[in-house]
């Protein structure tokens, strides 16, 4: 009932399992997958670290722009 083939779903689930994001349990001829909470937590930590780095860089850039604008304003006042 999915808009993709079973082999495509299986390939995607294998990639997720290889990445440690899902756990596979074979029951008879069927494979059952469930989220691997440790893997998902590790992924979350990694994404959070990227976010932290991005915010820190944004802060540094914003402070740099603020300093440049303040210097330009001082310079303009001195000319007046």
C-alpha atoms as a PDB file:
ATOM      1  CA  UNK A   1       0.000   0.000   0.000  1.00  0.00           C
ATOM      2  CA  UNK A   2       3.050   2.269  -0.152  1.00  0.00           C
ATOM      3  CA  UNK A   3       3.876   4.314  -3.254  1.00  0.00           C
ATOM      4  CA  UNK A   4       7.218   2.460  -3.519  1.00  0.00           C
ATOM      5  CA  UNK A   5       8.109  -1.163  -4.084  1.00  0.00           C
ATOM      6  CA  UNK A   6       8.825  -3.629  -1.293  1.00  0.00           C
ATOM      7  CA  UNK A   7      12.471  -3.967  -2.370  1.00  0.00           C
ATOM      8  CA  UNK A   8      12.859  -0.174  -2.154  1.00  0.00           C
ATOM      9  CA  UNK A   9      11.409  -0.172   1.363  1.00  0.00           C
ATOM     10  CA  UNK A  10      13.719  -3.039   2.319  1.00  0.00           C
ATOM     11  CA  UNK A  11      16.741  -1.163   0.976  1.00  0.00           C
ATOM     12  CA  UNK A  12      15.838   1.952   2.953  1.00  0.00           C
ATOM     13  CA  UNK A  13      15.276  -0.052   6.127  1.00  0.00           C
ATOM     14  CA  UNK A  14      18.646  -1.778   5.639  1.00  0.00           C
ATOM     15  CA  UNK A  15      20.353   1.621   5.418  1.00  0.00           C
ATOM     16  CA  UNK A  16      18.599   2.728   8.615  1.00  0.00           C
ATOM     17  CA  UNK A  17      19.605  -0.530  10.335  1.00  0.00           C
ATOM     18  CA  UNK A  18      23.229  -0.158   9.175  1.00  0.00           C
ATOM     19  CA  UNK A  19      23.203   3.375  10.595  1.00  0.00           C
ATOM     20  CA  UNK A  20      21.940   2.067  13.939  1.00  0.00           C
ATOM     21  CA  UNK A  21      18.639   3.922  13.741  1.00  0.00           C
ATOM     22  CA  UNK A  22      16.360   0.870  13.655  1.00  0.00           C
ATOM     23  CA  UNK A  23      16.575  -2.656  15.040  1.00  0.00           C
ATOM     24  CA  UNK A  24      15.664  -5.681  12.987  1.00  0.00           C
ATOM     25  CA  UNK A  25      13.855  -8.687  14.397  1.00  0.00           C
ATOM     26  CA  UNK A  26      13.171 -11.612  12.094  1.00  0.00           C
ATOM     27  CA  UNK A  27       9.978 -13.472  12.920  1.00  0.00           C
ATOM     28  CA  UNK A  28       9.431 -16.402  10.607  1.00  0.00           C
ATOM     29  CA  UNK A  29       9.696 -15.105   7.065  1.00  0.00           C
ATOM     30  CA  UNK A  30       9.049 -11.509   8.038  1.00  0.00           C
ATOM     31  CA  UNK A  31      11.364  -8.797   9.230  1.00  0.00           C
ATOM     32  CA  UNK A  32      10.077  -6.421  11.871  1.00  0.00           C
ATOM     33  CA  UNK A  33      11.788  -3.085  12.418  1.00  0.00           C
ATOM     34  CA  UNK A  34      11.538  -0.740  15.353  1.00  0.00           C
ATOM     35  CA  UNK A  35      13.390   2.451  16.236  1.00  0.00           C
ATOM     36  CA  UNK A  36      16.688   1.973  18.039  1.00  0.00           C
ATOM     37  CA  UNK A  37      16.402   4.505  20.844  1.00  0.00           C
ATOM     38  CA  UNK A  38      20.167   4.655  21.417  1.00  0.00           C
ATOM     39  CA  UNK A  39      20.825   5.266  17.729  1.00  0.00           C
ATOM     40  CA  UNK A  40      18.140   7.916  17.491  1.00  0.00           C
ATOM     41  CA  UNK A  41      19.505   9.611  20.635  1.00  0.00           C
ATOM     42  CA  UNK A  42      23.002   9.648  19.096  1.00  0.00           C
ATOM     43  CA  UNK A  43      21.622  11.179  15.909  1.00  0.00           C
ATOM     44  CA  UNK A  44      19.804  13.802  17.972  1.00  0.00           C
ATOM     45  CA  UNK A  45      23.008  14.639  19.851  1.00  0.00           C
ATOM     46  CA  UNK A  46      24.879  15.016  16.565  1.00  0.00           C
ATOM     47  CA  UNK A  47      22.210  17.311  15.090  1.00  0.00           C
ATOM     48  CA  UNK A  48      22.121  19.344  18.306  1.00  0.00           C
ATOM     49  CA  UNK A  49      25.900  19.800  18.119  1.00  0.00           C
ATOM     50  CA  UNK A  50      25.583  21.127  14.563  1.00  0.00           C
ATOM     51  CA  UNK A  51      22.898  23.524  15.737  1.00  0.00           C
ATOM     52  CA  UNK A  52      25.094  24.717  18.619  1.00  0.00           C
ATOM     53  CA  UNK A  53      28.021  25.356  16.255  1.00  0.00           C
ATOM     54  CA  UNK A  54      25.769  27.184  13.796  1.00  0.00           C
ATOM     55  CA  UNK A  55      24.329  29.427  16.494  1.00  0.00           C
ATOM     56  CA  UNK A  56      27.783  30.219  17.872  1.00  0.00           C
ATOM     57  CA  UNK A  57      29.002  31.205  14.401  1.00  0.00           C
ATOM     58  CA  UNK A  58      25.899  33.317  13.826  1.00  0.00           C
ATOM     59  CA  UNK A  59      26.499  35.108  17.148  1.00  0.00           C
ATOM     60  CA  UNK A  60      30.111  35.862  16.229  1.00  0.00           C
ATOM     61  CA  UNK A  61      29.078  37.236  12.841  1.00  0.00           C
ATOM     62  CA  UNK A  62      26.304  39.367  14.349  1.00  0.00           C
ATOM     63  CA  UNK A  63      28.752  40.805  16.887  1.00  0.00           C
ATOM     64  CA  UNK A  64      31.256  41.556  14.120  1.00  0.00           C
ATOM     65  CA  UNK A  65      28.616  43.391  12.071  1.00  0.00           C
ATOM     66  CA  UNK A  66      27.510  45.347  15.169  1.00  0.00           C
ATOM     67  CA  UNK A  67      31.114  46.425  15.833  1.00  0.00           C
ATOM     68  CA  UNK A  68      31.564  47.479  12.206  1.00  0.00           C
ATOM     69  CA  UNK A  69      28.362  49.526  12.251  1.00  0.00           C
ATOM     70  CA  UNK A  70      29.320  51.181  15.525  1.00  0.00           C
ATOM     71  CA  UNK A  71      32.728  52.077  14.077  1.00  0.00           C
ATOM     72  CA  UNK A  72      31.090  53.539  10.951  1.00  0.00           C
ATOM     73  CA  UNK A  73      28.699  55.595  13.087  1.00  0.00           C
ATOM     74  CA  UNK A  74      31.594  56.970  15.174  1.00  0.00           C
ATOM     75  CA  UNK A  75      33.473  57.790  11.999  1.00  0.00           C
ATOM     76  CA  UNK A  76      30.442  59.602  10.527  1.00  0.00           C
ATOM     77  CA  UNK A  77      29.915  61.595  13.770  1.00  0.00           C
ATOM     78  CA  UNK A  78      33.561  62.652  13.749  1.00  0.00           C
ATOM     79  CA  UNK A  79      33.184  63.959  10.178  1.00  0.00           C
ATOM     80  CA  UNK A  80      30.145  66.053  11.169  1.00  0.00           C
END
